[in-house]
Amino acid sequence: MAGITSYGAYVPLWRLSREAIMKGMRGEKAIRNFDEDSTTMAVAAAIDCLKGQSRECTVFKHR
C-alpha cells in the first residue's frame, strides 16, 4: 500500500496568555520549554505518527 497511512503532531505543553503579549487579545499561545527545539518536537511528532503501526519492515527484506 502506498501513500500517507498515518500522521503525527506535537504541540508544546506550556501556554502563554495572548493578553500578556498584547492588551485586548484573547486566548493563549503554545510555547516551547527551554529544552525543546525543532528536532525534539519533530521526533515527538514522528513517535506519535508511529503509534499503533507495525514496525516490522516489509519492503526491504534480505533475500
N, C-alpha and C. Protein backbone atom coordinates (compact mmCIF):
# COMPACT_ATOMS: atom_id res chain seq x y z
N MET A 1 0.84 -1.17 0.00
CA MET A 1 0.00 0.00 0.00
C MET A 1 0.89 1.24 0.00
N ALA A 2 0.60 2.17 -0.86
CA ALA A 2 1.41 3.38 -0.96
C ALA A 2 0.61 4.59 -0.49
N GLY A 3 1.32 5.64 -0.16
CA GLY A 3 0.65 6.88 0.23
C GLY A 3 0.75 7.13 1.72
N ILE A 4 0.10 8.17 2.15
CA ILE A 4 0.11 8.53 3.57
C ILE A 4 -0.85 7.62 4.32
N THR A 5 -0.33 6.91 5.30
CA THR A 5 -1.16 5.99 6.07
C THR A 5 -1.39 6.46 7.50
N SER A 6 -0.61 7.43 7.96
CA SER A 6 -0.82 7.99 9.30
C SER A 6 -0.12 9.34 9.38
N TYR A 7 -0.42 10.06 10.43
CA TYR A 7 0.23 11.34 10.66
C TYR A 7 0.41 11.54 12.16
N GLY A 8 1.29 12.41 12.53
CA GLY A 8 1.54 12.70 13.93
C GLY A 8 1.66 14.19 14.15
N ALA A 9 1.45 14.60 15.37
CA ALA A 9 1.54 16.02 15.71
C ALA A 9 2.10 16.17 17.12
N TYR A 10 2.69 17.31 17.36
CA TYR A 10 3.18 17.63 18.70
C TYR A 10 2.93 19.11 18.95
N VAL A 11 2.27 19.42 20.04
CA VAL A 11 2.03 20.80 20.44
C VAL A 11 2.65 20.96 21.83
N PRO A 12 3.52 21.94 22.02
CA PRO A 12 4.14 22.13 23.33
C PRO A 12 3.10 22.30 24.44
N LEU A 13 3.44 21.85 25.63
CA LEU A 13 2.54 21.85 26.76
C LEU A 13 2.36 23.24 27.37
N TRP A 14 3.41 24.04 27.37
CA TRP A 14 3.37 25.35 28.02
C TRP A 14 2.47 26.30 27.24
N ARG A 15 1.76 27.19 27.93
CA ARG A 15 0.87 28.16 27.31
C ARG A 15 1.20 29.56 27.80
N LEU A 16 1.02 30.54 26.91
CA LEU A 16 1.21 31.94 27.23
C LEU A 16 -0.08 32.67 26.85
N SER A 17 -0.61 33.42 27.78
CA SER A 17 -1.82 34.19 27.52
C SER A 17 -1.54 35.24 26.46
N ARG A 18 -2.42 35.36 25.49
CA ARG A 18 -2.25 36.40 24.47
C ARG A 18 -2.39 37.79 25.08
N GLU A 19 -3.10 37.88 26.21
CA GLU A 19 -3.24 39.15 26.93
C GLU A 19 -1.86 39.64 27.40
N ALA A 20 -0.96 38.70 27.74
CA ALA A 20 0.39 39.07 28.16
C ALA A 20 1.21 39.61 26.99
N ILE A 21 0.84 39.24 25.78
CA ILE A 21 1.55 39.70 24.58
C ILE A 21 1.04 41.09 24.18
N MET A 22 -0.29 41.22 24.13
CA MET A 22 -0.89 42.49 23.71
C MET A 22 -2.25 42.65 24.38
N LYS A 23 -2.48 43.78 24.95
CA LYS A 23 -3.74 44.02 25.66
C LYS A 23 -4.92 43.91 24.70
N GLY A 24 -5.96 43.23 25.17
CA GLY A 24 -7.17 43.08 24.37
C GLY A 24 -7.25 41.79 23.59
N MET A 25 -6.14 41.08 23.46
CA MET A 25 -6.17 39.80 22.73
C MET A 25 -6.69 38.72 23.66
N ARG A 26 -7.43 37.78 23.09
CA ARG A 26 -7.99 36.68 23.88
C ARG A 26 -7.33 35.37 23.48
N GLY A 27 -7.43 34.39 24.36
CA GLY A 27 -6.90 33.06 24.07
C GLY A 27 -5.50 32.87 24.61
N GLU A 28 -4.85 31.83 24.11
CA GLU A 28 -3.50 31.53 24.54
C GLU A 28 -2.68 30.98 23.39
N LYS A 29 -1.37 30.99 23.56
CA LYS A 29 -0.43 30.54 22.54
C LYS A 29 0.43 29.44 23.14
N ALA A 30 0.64 28.36 22.38
CA ALA A 30 1.53 27.29 22.81
C ALA A 30 2.97 27.76 22.64
N ILE A 31 3.78 27.61 23.67
CA ILE A 31 5.19 27.99 23.60
C ILE A 31 6.05 26.81 24.04
N ARG A 32 7.24 26.75 23.52
CA ARG A 32 8.13 25.63 23.85
C ARG A 32 8.81 25.87 25.18
N ASN A 33 9.24 24.79 25.80
CA ASN A 33 10.01 24.86 27.03
C ASN A 33 11.47 25.16 26.66
N PHE A 34 12.28 25.46 27.65
CA PHE A 34 13.67 25.82 27.38
C PHE A 34 14.47 24.68 26.74
N ASP A 35 14.05 23.44 26.95
CA ASP A 35 14.82 22.31 26.43
C ASP A 35 14.18 21.68 25.18
N GLU A 36 13.20 22.31 24.58
CA GLU A 36 12.57 21.79 23.37
C GLU A 36 13.05 22.59 22.16
N ASP A 37 13.62 21.88 21.19
CA ASP A 37 14.00 22.53 19.94
C ASP A 37 13.22 21.86 18.81
N SER A 38 13.45 22.29 17.58
CA SER A 38 12.68 21.76 16.45
C SER A 38 12.89 20.26 16.26
N THR A 39 14.10 19.78 16.54
CA THR A 39 14.37 18.34 16.40
C THR A 39 13.60 17.54 17.44
N THR A 40 13.59 18.00 18.67
CA THR A 40 12.85 17.32 19.74
C THR A 40 11.37 17.24 19.40
N MET A 41 10.80 18.33 18.91
CA MET A 41 9.37 18.35 18.57
C MET A 41 9.08 17.47 17.35
N ALA A 42 10.01 17.43 16.38
CA ALA A 42 9.83 16.57 15.21
C ALA A 42 9.86 15.10 15.59
N VAL A 43 10.76 14.71 16.48
CA VAL A 43 10.83 13.32 16.95
C VAL A 43 9.56 12.95 17.71
N ALA A 44 9.06 13.86 18.54
CA ALA A 44 7.82 13.59 19.28
C ALA A 44 6.66 13.40 18.31
N ALA A 45 6.60 14.18 17.24
CA ALA A 45 5.54 14.03 16.23
C ALA A 45 5.70 12.71 15.47
N ALA A 46 6.95 12.31 15.19
CA ALA A 46 7.19 11.04 14.49
C ALA A 46 6.78 9.86 15.36
N ILE A 47 7.08 9.92 16.64
CA ILE A 47 6.67 8.85 17.56
C ILE A 47 5.15 8.77 17.62
N ASP A 48 4.48 9.91 17.65
CA ASP A 48 3.02 9.94 17.64
C ASP A 48 2.48 9.33 16.35
N CYS A 49 3.15 9.57 15.23
CA CYS A 49 2.75 9.03 13.94
C CYS A 49 2.85 7.51 13.91
N LEU A 50 3.84 6.96 14.60
CA LEU A 50 4.08 5.52 14.56
C LEU A 50 3.26 4.73 15.58
N LYS A 51 2.52 5.41 16.45
CA LYS A 51 1.71 4.69 17.44
C LYS A 51 0.69 3.80 16.72
N GLY A 52 0.65 2.55 17.11
CA GLY A 52 -0.30 1.61 16.53
C GLY A 52 0.13 1.03 15.20
N GLN A 53 1.29 1.41 14.70
CA GLN A 53 1.79 0.90 13.42
C GLN A 53 2.74 -0.26 13.67
N SER A 54 2.72 -1.22 12.78
CA SER A 54 3.67 -2.32 12.85
C SER A 54 5.04 -1.78 12.46
N ARG A 55 6.05 -2.06 13.25
CA ARG A 55 7.39 -1.55 12.95
C ARG A 55 8.24 -2.57 12.21
N GLU A 56 7.63 -3.65 11.78
CA GLU A 56 8.35 -4.65 11.01
C GLU A 56 8.50 -4.16 9.59
N CYS A 57 9.69 -4.20 9.05
CA CYS A 57 9.95 -3.76 7.69
C CYS A 57 9.49 -4.85 6.73
N THR A 58 8.58 -4.50 5.84
CA THR A 58 8.07 -5.49 4.87
C THR A 58 8.53 -5.19 3.46
N VAL A 59 9.15 -4.04 3.24
CA VAL A 59 9.54 -3.64 1.89
C VAL A 59 10.96 -4.12 1.55
N PHE A 60 11.89 -3.95 2.44
CA PHE A 60 13.29 -4.23 2.16
C PHE A 60 13.74 -5.49 2.89
N LYS A 61 13.31 -6.64 2.43
CA LYS A 61 13.71 -7.91 3.04
C LYS A 61 14.95 -8.43 2.32
N HIS A 62 15.87 -9.01 3.10
CA HIS A 62 17.05 -9.62 2.52
C HIS A 62 16.66 -10.95 1.88
N ARG A 63 17.27 -11.23 0.76
CA ARG A 63 16.95 -12.49 0.09
C ARG A 63 17.96 -13.55 0.37
